[in-house]
Amino acid sequence: MVESQFFWKNQELLAPEKYGRGIALCLRACPALKDQTYYASVTSWIDRGILFPVHVVKTLRGTGLQKEFIYYGLRQVGGRLVRVASGGKAAGEARLLDSCNRSGLWEGKSWTQGL
């Protein structure tokens, strides 16, 4: 699912930064006056392999307070973006919590597969 800040007109591509084990694309978005939002800006660190945000900082309008969102366990399996929780019985086994199909809709699923 794509959040609204990715559709805002004011987008700034920042220098890539090290995040986790790799380099993430950094994107700062600021809303236009017509955009209905509580945020003054949103900065996203986007994993280059799955092209999905893994870390997002949202700055509240007026107060400047920041909300931080960290997305764990995202990976691409067979052309689908999935969220997994590791800790299966066998090494390399993960439990698929849900997956995102090509249209961007999350499908609730729960099964175990060696990934």
PDB file of N, CA and C in Angstrom:
ATOM      1  N   MET A   1       0.848  -1.162   0.000  1.00  0.00           N
ATOM      2  CA  MET A   1       0.000   0.000   0.000  1.00  0.00           C
ATOM      3  C   MET A   1       0.899   1.233   0.000  1.00  0.00           C
ATOM      4  N   VAL A   2       0.615   2.176  -0.848  1.00  0.00           N
ATOM      5  CA  VAL A   2       1.417   3.384  -0.967  1.00  0.00           C
ATOM      6  C   VAL A   2       0.750   4.500  -0.171  1.00  0.00           C
ATOM      7  N   GLU A   3       1.527   5.159   0.679  1.00  0.00           N
ATOM      8  CA  GLU A   3       0.991   6.240   1.496  1.00  0.00           C
ATOM      9  C   GLU A   3       0.883   7.532   0.688  1.00  0.00           C
ATOM     10  N   SER A   4       0.076   8.463   1.172  1.00  0.00           N
ATOM     11  CA  SER A   4      -0.250   9.676   0.421  1.00  0.00           C
ATOM     12  C   SER A   4       0.949  10.577   0.139  1.00  0.00           C
ATOM     13  N   GLN A   5       1.974  10.581   0.996  1.00  0.00           N
ATOM     14  CA  GLN A   5       3.094  11.493   0.776  1.00  0.00           C
ATOM     15  C   GLN A   5       3.848  11.208  -0.528  1.00  0.00           C
ATOM     16  N   PHE A   6       3.721  10.005  -1.056  1.00  0.00           N
ATOM     17  CA  PHE A   6       4.385   9.687  -2.312  1.00  0.00           C
ATOM     18  C   PHE A   6       3.672  10.312  -3.520  1.00  0.00           C
ATOM     19  N   PHE A   7       2.495  10.877  -3.291  1.00  0.00           N
ATOM     20  CA  PHE A   7       1.750  11.547  -4.356  1.00  0.00           C
ATOM     21  C   PHE A   7       1.821  13.071  -4.247  1.00  0.00           C
ATOM     22  N   TRP A   8       2.479  13.582  -3.190  1.00  0.00           N
ATOM     23  CA  TRP A   8       2.614  15.023  -3.045  1.00  0.00           C
ATOM     24  C   TRP A   8       3.505  15.574  -4.152  1.00  0.00           C
ATOM     25  N   LYS A   9       3.230  16.787  -4.581  1.00  0.00           N
ATOM     26  CA  LYS A   9       3.975  17.409  -5.686  1.00  0.00           C
ATOM     27  C   LYS A   9       5.395  17.802  -5.277  1.00  0.00           C
ATOM     28  N   ASN A  10       5.604  18.186  -4.022  1.00  0.00           N
ATOM     29  CA  ASN A  10       6.920  18.646  -3.561  1.00  0.00           C
ATOM     30  C   ASN A  10       7.752  17.466  -3.052  1.00  0.00           C
ATOM     31  N   GLN A  11       8.583  16.928  -3.927  1.00  0.00           N
ATOM     32  CA  GLN A  11       9.443  15.783  -3.602  1.00  0.00           C
ATOM     33  C   GLN A  11      10.897  16.189  -3.791  1.00  0.00           C
ATOM     34  N   GLU A  12      11.755  15.778  -2.864  1.00  0.00           N
ATOM     35  CA  GLU A  12      13.183  16.067  -2.985  1.00  0.00           C
ATOM     36  C   GLU A  12      13.955  14.776  -2.750  1.00  0.00           C
ATOM     37  N   LEU A  13      14.742  14.387  -3.740  1.00  0.00           N
ATOM     38  CA  LEU A  13      15.575  13.202  -3.610  1.00  0.00           C
ATOM     39  C   LEU A  13      16.858  13.612  -2.903  1.00  0.00           C
ATOM     40  N   LEU A  14      17.101  13.043  -1.728  1.00  0.00           N
ATOM     41  CA  LEU A  14      18.285  13.355  -0.943  1.00  0.00           C
ATOM     42  C   LEU A  14      19.392  12.365  -1.279  1.00  0.00           C
ATOM     43  N   ALA A  15      20.580  12.607  -0.749  1.00  0.00           N
ATOM     44  CA  ALA A  15      21.703  11.695  -0.980  1.00  0.00           C
ATOM     45  C   ALA A  15      21.383  10.332  -0.371  1.00  0.00           C
ATOM     46  N   PRO A  16      21.730   9.232  -1.064  1.00  0.00           N
ATOM     47  CA  PRO A  16      21.519   7.893  -0.498  1.00  0.00           C
ATOM     48  C   PRO A  16      22.274   7.755   0.825  1.00  0.00           C
ATOM     49  N   GLU A  17      21.721   6.965   1.745  1.00  0.00           N
ATOM     50  CA  GLU A  17      22.335   6.773   3.055  1.00  0.00           C
ATOM     51  C   GLU A  17      22.430   5.295   3.382  1.00  0.00           C
ATOM     52  N   LYS A  18      23.420   4.951   4.199  1.00  0.00           N
ATOM     53  CA  LYS A  18      23.538   3.579   4.670  1.00  0.00           C
ATOM     54  C   LYS A  18      22.398   3.329   5.647  1.00  0.00           C
ATOM     55  N   TYR A  19      21.687   2.247   5.421  1.00  0.00           N
ATOM     56  CA  TYR A  19      20.602   1.865   6.324  1.00  0.00           C
ATOM     57  C   TYR A  19      20.594   0.348   6.412  1.00  0.00           C
ATOM     58  N   GLY A  20      20.749  -0.178   7.610  1.00  0.00           N
ATOM     59  CA  GLY A  20      20.820  -1.626   7.769  1.00  0.00           C
ATOM     60  C   GLY A  20      22.058  -2.164   7.077  1.00  0.00           C
ATOM     61  N   ARG A  21      21.873  -3.191   6.244  1.00  0.00           N
ATOM     62  CA  ARG A  21      22.995  -3.811   5.543  1.00  0.00           C
ATOM     63  C   ARG A  21      23.252  -3.215   4.172  1.00  0.00           C
ATOM     64  N   GLY A  22      22.485  -2.212   3.786  1.00  0.00           N
ATOM     65  CA  GLY A  22      22.641  -1.675   2.435  1.00  0.00           C
ATOM     66  C   GLY A  22      22.519  -0.166   2.396  1.00  0.00           C
ATOM     67  N   ILE A  23      22.393   0.333   1.189  1.00  0.00           N
ATOM     68  CA  ILE A  23      22.226   1.763   0.945  1.00  0.00           C
ATOM     69  C   ILE A  23      20.764   2.006   0.571  1.00  0.00           C
ATOM     70  N   ALA A  24      20.142   2.967   1.243  1.00  0.00           N
ATOM     71  CA  ALA A  24      18.739   3.283   0.984  1.00  0.00           C
ATOM     72  C   ALA A  24      18.621   4.600   0.223  1.00  0.00           C
ATOM     73  N   LEU A  25      17.628   4.678  -0.647  1.00  0.00           N
ATOM     74  CA  LEU A  25      17.273   5.933  -1.287  1.00  0.00           C
ATOM     75  C   LEU A  25      16.569   6.788  -0.246  1.00  0.00           C
ATOM     76  N   CYS A  26      16.828   8.087  -0.224  1.00  0.00           N
ATOM     77  CA  CYS A  26      16.178   8.983   0.737  1.00  0.00           C
ATOM     78  C   CYS A  26      15.324   9.986  -0.019  1.00  0.00           C
ATOM     79  N   LEU A  27      14.090  10.104   0.415  1.00  0.00           N
ATOM     80  CA  LEU A  27      13.142  10.986  -0.247  1.00  0.00           C
ATOM     81  C   LEU A  27      12.430  11.829   0.802  1.00  0.00           C
ATOM     82  N   ARG A  28      12.458  13.162   0.618  1.00  0.00           N
ATOM     83  CA  ARG A  28      11.726  14.057   1.509  1.00  0.00           C
ATOM     84  C   ARG A  28      10.549  14.621   0.732  1.00  0.00           C
ATOM     85  N   ALA A  29       9.366  14.518   1.298  1.00  0.00           N
ATOM     86  CA  ALA A  29       8.148  15.019   0.677  1.00  0.00           C
ATOM     87  C   ALA A  29       7.534  16.092   1.575  1.00  0.00           C
ATOM     88  N   CYS A  30       7.073  17.187   0.962  1.00  0.00           N
ATOM     89  CA  CYS A  30       6.389  18.258   1.676  1.00  0.00           C
ATOM     90  C   CYS A  30       5.040  18.479   1.004  1.00  0.00           C
ATOM     91  N   PRO A  31       3.978  18.601   1.798  1.00  0.00           N
ATOM     92  CA  PRO A  31       2.651  18.755   1.201  1.00  0.00           C
ATOM     93  C   PRO A  31       2.423  20.146   0.618  1.00  0.00           C
ATOM     94  N   ALA A  32       1.587  20.203  -0.384  1.00  0.00           N
ATOM     95  CA  ALA A  32       1.124  21.487  -0.921  1.00  0.00           C
ATOM     96  C   ALA A  32      -0.028  21.957  -0.029  1.00  0.00           C
ATOM     97  N   LEU A  33      -0.445  23.190  -0.203  1.00  0.00           N
ATOM     98  CA  LEU A  33      -1.538  23.727   0.621  1.00  0.00           C
ATOM     99  C   LEU A  33      -2.818  22.907   0.478  1.00  0.00           C
ATOM    100  N   LYS A  34      -3.072  22.359  -0.712  1.00  0.00           N
ATOM    101  CA  LYS A  34      -4.309  21.601  -0.944  1.00  0.00           C
ATOM    102  C   LYS A  34      -4.278  20.192  -0.348  1.00  0.00           C
ATOM    103  N   ASP A  35      -3.085  19.680  -0.001  1.00  0.00           N
ATOM    104  CA  ASP A  35      -2.981  18.332   0.576  1.00  0.00           C
ATOM    105  C   ASP A  35      -3.476  18.339   2.018  1.00  0.00           C
ATOM    106  N   GLN A  36      -4.386  17.441   2.329  1.00  0.00           N
ATOM    107  CA  GLN A  36      -4.931  17.343   3.680  1.00  0.00           C
ATOM    108  C   GLN A  36      -4.076  16.388   4.492  1.00  0.00           C
ATOM    109  N   THR A  37      -3.285  16.956   5.410  1.00  0.00           N
ATOM    110  CA  THR A  37      -2.384  16.147   6.211  1.00  0.00           C
ATOM    111  C   THR A  37      -2.038  16.871   7.512  1.00  0.00           C
ATOM    112  N   TYR A  38      -1.611  16.119   8.491  1.00  0.00           N
ATOM    113  CA  TYR A  38      -1.136  16.683   9.755  1.00  0.00           C
ATOM    114  C   TYR A  38       0.367  16.949   9.713  1.00  0.00           C
ATOM    115  N   TYR A  39       1.026  16.560   8.627  1.00  0.00           N
ATOM    116  CA  TYR A  39       2.480  16.590   8.577  1.00  0.00           C
ATOM    117  C   TYR A  39       3.021  17.752   7.761  1.00  0.00           C
ATOM    118  N   ALA A  40       4.149  18.317   8.233  1.00  0.00           N
ATOM    119  CA  ALA A  40       4.853  19.362   7.501  1.00  0.00           C
ATOM    120  C   ALA A  40       5.810  18.751   6.489  1.00  0.00           C
ATOM    121  N   SER A  41       6.348  17.583   6.815  1.00  0.00           N
ATOM    122  CA  SER A  41       7.225  16.869   5.889  1.00  0.00           C
ATOM    123  C   SER A  41       7.286  15.405   6.285  1.00  0.00           C
ATOM    124  N   VAL A  42       7.660  14.583   5.320  1.00  0.00           N
ATOM    125  CA  VAL A  42       7.843  13.149   5.552  1.00  0.00           C
ATOM    126  C   VAL A  42       9.127  12.740   4.839  1.00  0.00           C
ATOM    127  N   THR A  43      10.060  12.145   5.587  1.00  0.00           N
ATOM    128  CA  THR A  43      11.299  11.652   5.003  1.00  0.00           C
ATOM    129  C   THR A  43      11.261  10.131   5.028  1.00  0.00           C
ATOM    130  N   SER A  44      11.512   9.515   3.875  1.00  0.00           N
ATOM    131  CA  SER A  44      11.446   8.060   3.744  1.00  0.00           C
ATOM    132  C   SER A  44      12.794   7.510   3.297  1.00  0.00           C
ATOM    133  N   TRP A  45      13.211   6.406   3.922  1.00  0.00           N
ATOM    134  CA  TRP A  45      14.387   5.664   3.501  1.00  0.00           C
ATOM    135  C   TRP A  45      13.849   4.440   2.776  1.00  0.00           C
ATOM    136  N   ILE A  46      14.146   4.334   1.495  1.00  0.00           N
ATOM    137  CA  ILE A  46      13.540   3.316   0.637  1.00  0.00           C
ATOM    138  C   ILE A  46      14.574   2.265   0.269  1.00  0.00           C
ATOM    139  N   ASP A  47      14.266   1.003   0.568  1.00  0.00           N
ATOM    140  CA  ASP A  47      15.148  -0.108   0.214  1.00  0.00           C
ATOM    141  C   ASP A  47      15.234  -0.200  -1.301  1.00  0.00           C
ATOM    142  N   ARG A  48      16.446  -0.213  -1.835  1.00  0.00           N
ATOM    143  CA  ARG A  48      16.619  -0.216  -3.291  1.00  0.00           C
ATOM    144  C   ARG A  48      16.256  -1.556  -3.907  1.00  0.00           C
ATOM    145  N   GLY A  49      16.293  -2.631  -3.151  1.00  0.00           N
ATOM    146  CA  GLY A  49      15.964  -3.950  -3.686  1.00  0.00           C
ATOM    147  C   GLY A  49      14.474  -4.180  -3.867  1.00  0.00           C
ATOM    148  N   ILE A  50      13.675  -3.711  -2.907  1.00  0.00           N
ATOM    149  CA  ILE A  50      12.226  -3.944  -2.966  1.00  0.00           C
ATOM    150  C   ILE A  50      11.440  -2.670  -3.263  1.00  0.00           C
ATOM    151  N   LEU A  51      12.150  -1.529  -3.324  1.00  0.00           N
ATOM    152  CA  LEU A  51      11.523  -0.231  -3.594  1.00  0.00           C
ATOM    153  C   LEU A  51      10.327   0.025  -2.678  1.00  0.00           C
ATOM    154  N   PHE A  52      10.570  -0.183  -1.390  1.00  0.00           N
ATOM    155  CA  PHE A  52       9.541   0.018  -0.376  1.00  0.00           C
ATOM    156  C   PHE A  52      10.197   0.697   0.821  1.00  0.00           C
ATOM    157  N   PRO A  53       9.515   1.630   1.481  1.00  0.00           N
ATOM    158  CA  PRO A  53      10.137   2.308   2.624  1.00  0.00           C
ATOM    159  C   PRO A  53      10.389   1.343   3.788  1.00  0.00           C
ATOM    160  N   VAL A  54      11.583   1.446   4.366  1.00  0.00           N
ATOM    161  CA  VAL A  54      11.929   0.634   5.532  1.00  0.00           C
ATOM    162  C   VAL A  54      12.002   1.491   6.792  1.00  0.00           C
ATOM    163  N   HIS A  55      12.079   2.809   6.604  1.00  0.00           N
ATOM    164  CA  HIS A  55      12.138   3.748   7.725  1.00  0.00           C
ATOM    165  C   HIS A  55      11.501   5.050   7.260  1.00  0.00           C
ATOM    166  N   VAL A  56      10.615   5.608   8.081  1.00  0.00           N
ATOM    167  CA  VAL A  56       9.923   6.847   7.720  1.00  0.00           C
ATOM    168  C   VAL A  56       9.889   7.756   8.946  1.00  0.00           C
ATOM    169  N   VAL A  57      10.206   9.030   8.755  1.00  0.00           N
ATOM    170  CA  VAL A  57      10.088  10.030   9.817  1.00  0.00           C
ATOM    171  C   VAL A  57       9.096  11.079   9.337  1.00  0.00           C
ATOM    172  N   LYS A  58       8.016  11.253  10.112  1.00  0.00           N
ATOM    173  CA  LYS A  58       6.971  12.219   9.768  1.00  0.00           C
ATOM    174  C   LYS A  58       7.029  13.363  10.778  1.00  0.00           C
ATOM    175  N   THR A  59       7.186  14.602  10.272  1.00  0.00           N
ATOM    176  CA  THR A  59       7.269  15.790  11.119  1.00  0.00           C
ATOM    177  C   THR A  59       5.904  16.466  11.159  1.00  0.00           C
ATOM    178  N   LEU A  60       5.364  16.621  12.371  1.00  0.00           N
ATOM    179  CA  LEU A  60       4.042  17.218  12.534  1.00  0.00           C
ATOM    180  C   LEU A  60       4.061  18.711  12.233  1.00  0.00           C
ATOM    181  N   ARG A  61       3.015  19.153  11.582  1.00  0.00           N
ATOM    182  CA  ARG A  61       2.843  20.559  11.252  1.00  0.00           C
ATOM    183  C   ARG A  61       2.616  21.336  12.555  1.00  0.00           C
ATOM    184  N   GLY A  62       3.227  22.490  12.680  1.00  0.00           N
ATOM    185  CA  GLY A  62       3.012  23.346  13.852  1.00  0.00           C
ATOM    186  C   GLY A  62       3.969  23.057  14.992  1.00  0.00           C
ATOM    187  N   THR A  63       3.967  21.845  15.509  1.00  0.00           N
ATOM    188  CA  THR A  63       4.781  21.521  16.684  1.00  0.00           C
ATOM    189  C   THR A  63       6.202  21.091  16.324  1.00  0.00           C
ATOM    190  N   GLY A  64       6.392  20.526  15.143  1.00  0.00           N
ATOM    191  CA  GLY A  64       7.709  20.038  14.752  1.00  0.00           C
ATOM    192  C   GLY A  64       8.065  18.692  15.371  1.00  0.00           C
ATOM    193  N   LEU A  65       7.145  18.145  16.160  1.00  0.00           N
ATOM    194  CA  LEU A  65       7.393  16.819  16.734  1.00  0.00           C
ATOM    195  C   LEU A  65       7.491  15.788  15.613  1.00  0.00           C
ATOM    196  N   GLN A  66       8.291  14.752  15.846  1.00  0.00           N
ATOM    197  CA  GLN A  66       8.494  13.749  14.814  1.00  0.00           C
ATOM    198  C   GLN A  66       7.974  12.389  15.258  1.00  0.00           C
ATOM    199  N   LYS A  67       7.356  11.679  14.316  1.00  0.00           N
ATOM    200  CA  LYS A  67       6.922  10.305  14.514  1.00  0.00           C
ATOM    201  C   LYS A  67       7.818   9.433  13.651  1.00  0.00           C
ATOM    202  N   GLU A  68       8.315   8.353  14.223  1.00  0.00           N
ATOM    203  CA  GLU A  68       9.216   7.471  13.492  1.00  0.00           C
ATOM    204  C   GLU A  68       8.536   6.124  13.270  1.00  0.00           C
ATOM    205  N   PHE A  69       8.643   5.618  12.049  1.00  0.00           N
ATOM    206  CA  PHE A  69       8.068   4.334  11.677  1.00  0.00           C
ATOM    207  C   PHE A  69       9.179   3.471  11.092  1.00  0.00           C
ATOM    208  N   ILE A  70       9.350   2.268  11.623  1.00  0.00           N
ATOM    209  CA  ILE A  70      10.354   1.338  11.112  1.00  0.00           C
ATOM    210  C   ILE A  70       9.624   0.079  10.673  1.00  0.00           C
ATOM    211  N   TYR A  71       9.886  -0.352   9.451  1.00  0.00           N
ATOM    212  CA  TYR A  71       9.223  -1.517   8.883  1.00  0.00           C
ATOM    213  C   TYR A  71      10.209  -2.675   8.872  1.00  0.00           C
ATOM    214  N   TYR A  72       9.934  -3.706   9.656  1.00  0.00           N
ATOM    215  CA  TYR A  72      10.818  -4.854   9.790  1.00  0.00           C
ATOM    216  C   TYR A  72      10.347  -6.017   8.933  1.00  0.00           C
ATOM    217  N   GLY A  73      11.279  -6.841   8.510  1.00  0.00           N
ATOM    218  CA  GLY A  73      10.952  -8.124   7.905  1.00  0.00           C
ATOM    219  C   GLY A  73      10.320  -8.073   6.534  1.00  0.00           C
ATOM    220  N   LEU A  74      10.563  -7.036   5.750  1.00  0.00           N
ATOM    221  CA  LEU A  74      10.020  -6.975   4.402  1.00  0.00           C
ATOM    222  C   LEU A  74      10.991  -7.638   3.438  1.00  0.00           C
ATOM    223  N   ARG A  75      10.471  -8.440   2.536  1.00  0.00           N
ATOM    224  CA  ARG A  75      11.304  -9.007   1.475  1.00  0.00           C
ATOM    225  C   ARG A  75      10.440  -9.350   0.286  1.00  0.00           C
ATOM    226  N   GLN A  76      11.084  -9.523  -0.855  1.00  0.00           N
ATOM    227  CA  GLN A  76      10.356  -9.862  -2.074  1.00  0.00           C
ATOM    228  C   GLN A  76      10.516 -11.350  -2.325  1.00  0.00           C
ATOM    229  N   VAL A  77       9.389 -12.035  -2.501  1.00  0.00           N
ATOM    230  CA  VAL A  77       9.384 -13.472  -2.755  1.00  0.00           C
ATOM    231  C   VAL A  77       8.479 -13.730  -3.947  1.00  0.00           C
ATOM    232  N   GLY A  78       9.042 -14.254  -5.010  1.00  0.00           N
ATOM    233  CA  GLY A  78       8.239 -14.593  -6.193  1.00  0.00           C
ATOM    234  C   GLY A  78       7.460 -13.428  -6.766  1.00  0.00           C
ATOM    235  N   GLY A  79       8.057 -12.246  -6.805  1.00  0.00           N
ATOM    236  CA  GLY A  79       7.383 -11.082  -7.374  1.00  0.00           C
ATOM    237  C   GLY A  79       6.401 -10.413  -6.440  1.00  0.00           C
ATOM    238  N   ARG A  80       6.326 -10.865  -5.198  1.00  0.00           N
ATOM    239  CA  ARG A  80       5.400 -10.276  -4.225  1.00  0.00           C
ATOM    240  C   ARG A  80       6.184  -9.716  -3.059  1.00  0.00           C
ATOM    241  N   LEU A  81       5.756  -8.582  -2.532  1.00  0.00           N
ATOM    242  CA  LEU A  81       6.344  -7.994  -1.346  1.00  0.00           C
ATOM    243  C   LEU A  81       5.682  -8.641  -0.143  1.00  0.00           C
ATOM    244  N   VAL A  82       6.479  -9.213   0.756  1.00  0.00           N
ATOM    245  CA  VAL A  82       5.910  -9.906   1.910  1.00  0.00           C
ATOM    246  C   VAL A  82       6.533  -9.397   3.198  1.00  0.00           C
ATOM    247  N   ARG A  83       5.755  -9.454   4.273  1.00  0.00           N
ATOM    248  CA  ARG A  83       6.266  -9.191   5.615  1.00  0.00           C
ATOM    249  C   ARG A  83       6.407 -10.546   6.277  1.00  0.00           C
ATOM    250  N   VAL A  84       7.564 -10.823   6.825  1.00  0.00           N
ATOM    251  CA  VAL A  84       7.794 -12.113   7.456  1.00  0.00           C
ATOM    252  C   VAL A  84       8.260 -11.908   8.886  1.00  0.00           C
ATOM    253  N   ALA A  85       7.983 -12.898   9.700  1.00  0.00           N
ATOM    254  CA  ALA A  85       8.501 -12.936  11.064  1.00  0.00           C
ATOM    255  C   ALA A  85       9.387 -14.162  11.147  1.00  0.00           C
ATOM    256  N   SER A  86      10.669 -13.964  11.422  1.00  0.00           N
ATOM    257  CA  SER A  86      11.564 -15.116  11.487  1.00  0.00           C
ATOM    258  C   SER A  86      11.393 -15.832  12.816  1.00  0.00           C
ATOM    259  N   GLY A  87      11.975 -16.977  12.917  1.00  0.00           N
ATOM    260  CA  GLY A  87      11.864 -17.746  14.147  1.00  0.00           C
ATOM    261  C   GLY A  87      11.130 -19.047  13.928  1.00  0.00           C
ATOM    262  N   GLY A  88      11.123 -19.535  12.689  1.00  0.00           N
ATOM    263  CA  GLY A  88      10.514 -20.824  12.416  1.00  0.00           C
ATOM    264  C   GLY A  88      11.341 -21.944  13.029  1.00  0.00           C
ATOM    265  N   LYS A  89      10.849 -23.152  12.955  1.00  0.00           N
ATOM    266  CA  LYS A  89      11.536 -24.294  13.559  1.00  0.00           C
ATOM    267  C   LYS A  89      12.836 -24.617  12.840  1.00  0.00           C
ATOM    268  N   ALA A  90      12.843 -24.565  11.523  1.00  0.00           N
ATOM    269  CA  ALA A  90      14.040 -24.900  10.763  1.00  0.00           C
ATOM    270  C   ALA A  90      14.784 -23.628  10.365  1.00  0.00           C
ATOM    271  N   ALA A  91      16.088 -23.756  10.178  1.00  0.00           N
ATOM    272  CA  ALA A  91      16.881 -22.608   9.748  1.00  0.00           C
ATOM    273  C   ALA A  91      16.366 -22.127   8.392  1.00  0.00           C
ATOM    274  N   GLY A  92      16.227 -20.827   8.239  1.00  0.00           N
ATOM    275  CA  GLY A  92      15.753 -20.266   6.980  1.00  0.00           C
ATOM    276  C   GLY A  92      14.252 -20.313   6.819  1.00  0.00           C
ATOM    277  N   GLU A  93      13.547 -20.786   7.821  1.00  0.00           N
ATOM    278  CA  GLU A  93      12.093 -20.857   7.728  1.00  0.00           C
ATOM    279  C   GLU A  93      11.506 -19.570   8.296  1.00  0.00           C
ATOM    280  N   ALA A  94      10.503 -19.047   7.667  1.00  0.00           N
ATOM    281  CA  ALA A  94       9.856 -17.827   8.136  1.00  0.00           C
ATOM    282  C   ALA A  94       8.352 -17.975   7.985  1.00  0.00           C
ATOM    283  N   ARG A  95       7.629 -17.277   8.812  1.00  0.00           N
ATOM    284  CA  ARG A  95       6.167 -17.312   8.757  1.00  0.00           C
ATOM    285  C   ARG A  95       5.703 -16.077   8.000  1.00  0.00           C
ATOM    286  N   LEU A  96       4.979 -16.277   6.926  1.00  0.00           N
ATOM    287  CA  LEU A  96       4.460 -15.174   6.130  1.00  0.00           C
ATOM    288  C   LEU A  96       3.237 -14.609   6.835  1.00  0.00           C
ATOM    289  N   LEU A  97       3.290 -13.347   7.192  1.00  0.00           N
ATOM    290  CA  LEU A  97       2.176 -12.724   7.888  1.00  0.00           C
ATOM    291  C   LEU A  97       1.118 -12.242   6.900  1.00  0.00           C
ATOM    292  N   ASP A  98       1.558 -11.578   5.877  1.00  0.00           N
ATOM    293  CA  ASP A  98       0.655 -11.166   4.811  1.00  0.00           C
ATOM    294  C   ASP A  98       1.506 -10.732   3.630  1.00  0.00           C
ATOM    295  N   SER A  99       0.884 -10.540   2.500  1.00  0.00           N
ATOM    296  CA  SER A  99       1.650 -10.161   1.320  1.00  0.00           C
ATOM    297  C   SER A  99       0.910  -9.096   0.535  1.00  0.00           C
ATOM    298  N   CYS A 100       1.674  -8.383  -0.263  1.00  0.00           N
ATOM    299  CA  CYS A 100       1.123  -7.319  -1.087  1.00  0.00           C
ATOM    300  C   CYS A 100       1.136  -7.793  -2.535  1.00  0.00           C
ATOM    301  N   ASN A 101      -0.030  -7.809  -3.173  1.00  0.00           N
ATOM    302  CA  ASN A 101      -0.065  -8.229  -4.573  1.00  0.00           C
ATOM    303  C   ASN A 101       0.324  -7.062  -5.472  1.00  0.00           C
ATOM    304  N   ARG A 102       0.395  -7.291  -6.769  1.00  0.00           N
ATOM    305  CA  ARG A 102       0.878  -6.270  -7.694  1.00  0.00           C
ATOM    306  C   ARG A 102       0.011  -5.008  -7.710  1.00  0.00           C
ATOM    307  N   SER A 103      -1.239  -5.093  -7.326  1.00  0.00           N
ATOM    308  CA  SER A 103      -2.081  -3.898  -7.313  1.00  0.00           C
ATOM    309  C   SER A 103      -1.913  -3.095  -6.029  1.00  0.00           C
ATOM    310  N   GLY A 104      -1.033  -3.558  -5.123  1.00  0.00           N
ATOM    311  CA  GLY A 104      -0.758  -2.809  -3.901  1.00  0.00           C
ATOM    312  C   GLY A 104      -1.715  -3.108  -2.768  1.00  0.00           C
ATOM    313  N   LEU A 105      -2.539  -4.139  -2.888  1.00  0.00           N
ATOM    314  CA  LEU A 105      -3.484  -4.482  -1.829  1.00  0.00           C
ATOM    315  C   LEU A 105      -2.889  -5.564  -0.942  1.00  0.00           C
ATOM    316  N   TRP A 106      -2.998  -5.375   0.361  1.00  0.00           N
ATOM    317  CA  TRP A 106      -2.479  -6.377   1.303  1.00  0.00           C
ATOM    318  C   TRP A 106      -3.481  -7.510   1.428  1.00  0.00           C
ATOM    319  N   GLU A 107      -2.965  -8.724   1.394  1.00  0.00           N
ATOM    320  CA  GLU A 107      -3.803  -9.904   1.538  1.00  0.00           C
ATOM    321  C   GLU A 107      -3.425 -10.582   2.854  1.00  0.00           C
ATOM    322  N   GLY A 108      -4.367 -10.755   3.726  1.00  0.00           N
ATOM    323  CA  GLY A 108      -4.087 -11.414   5.002  1.00  0.00           C
ATOM    324  C   GLY A 108      -3.888 -12.901   4.789  1.00  0.00           C
ATOM    325  N   LYS A 109      -2.715 -13.408   5.143  1.00  0.00           N
ATOM    326  CA  LYS A 109      -2.414 -14.826   5.007  1.00  0.00           C
ATOM    327  C   LYS A 109      -1.573 -15.245   6.199  1.00  0.00           C
ATOM    328  N   SER A 110      -1.574 -16.475   6.491  1.00  0.00           N
ATOM    329  CA  SER A 110      -0.718 -16.986   7.554  1.00  0.00           C
ATOM    330  C   SER A 110      -0.320 -18.394   7.210  1.00  0.00           C
ATOM    331  N   TRP A 111       0.914 -18.584   6.819  1.00  0.00           N
ATOM    332  CA  TRP A 111       1.420 -19.902   6.517  1.00  0.00           C
ATOM    333  C   TRP A 111       2.925 -19.893   6.709  1.00  0.00           C
ATOM    334  N   THR A 112       3.506 -21.072   6.752  1.00  0.00           N
ATOM    335  CA  THR A 112       4.936 -21.188   6.970  1.00  0.00           C
ATOM    336  C   THR A 112       5.567 -21.793   5.732  1.00  0.00           C
ATOM    337  N   GLN A 113       6.697 -21.212   5.340  1.00  0.00           N
ATOM    338  CA  GLN A 113       7.389 -21.668   4.138  1.00  0.00           C
ATOM    339  C   GLN A 113       8.871 -21.454   4.347  1.00  0.00           C
ATOM    340  N   GLY A 114       9.697 -22.321   3.849  1.00  0.00           N
ATOM    341  CA  GLY A 114      11.135 -22.101   3.887  1.00  0.00           C
ATOM    342  C   GLY A 114      11.485 -21.019   2.886  1.00  0.00           C
ATOM    343  N   LEU A 115      11.984 -19.879   3.345  1.00  0.00           N
ATOM    344  CA  LEU A 115      12.303 -18.765   2.461  1.00  0.00           C
ATOM    345  C   LEU A 115      13.799 -18.588   2.361  1.00  0.00           C
TER     346      LEU A 115
END
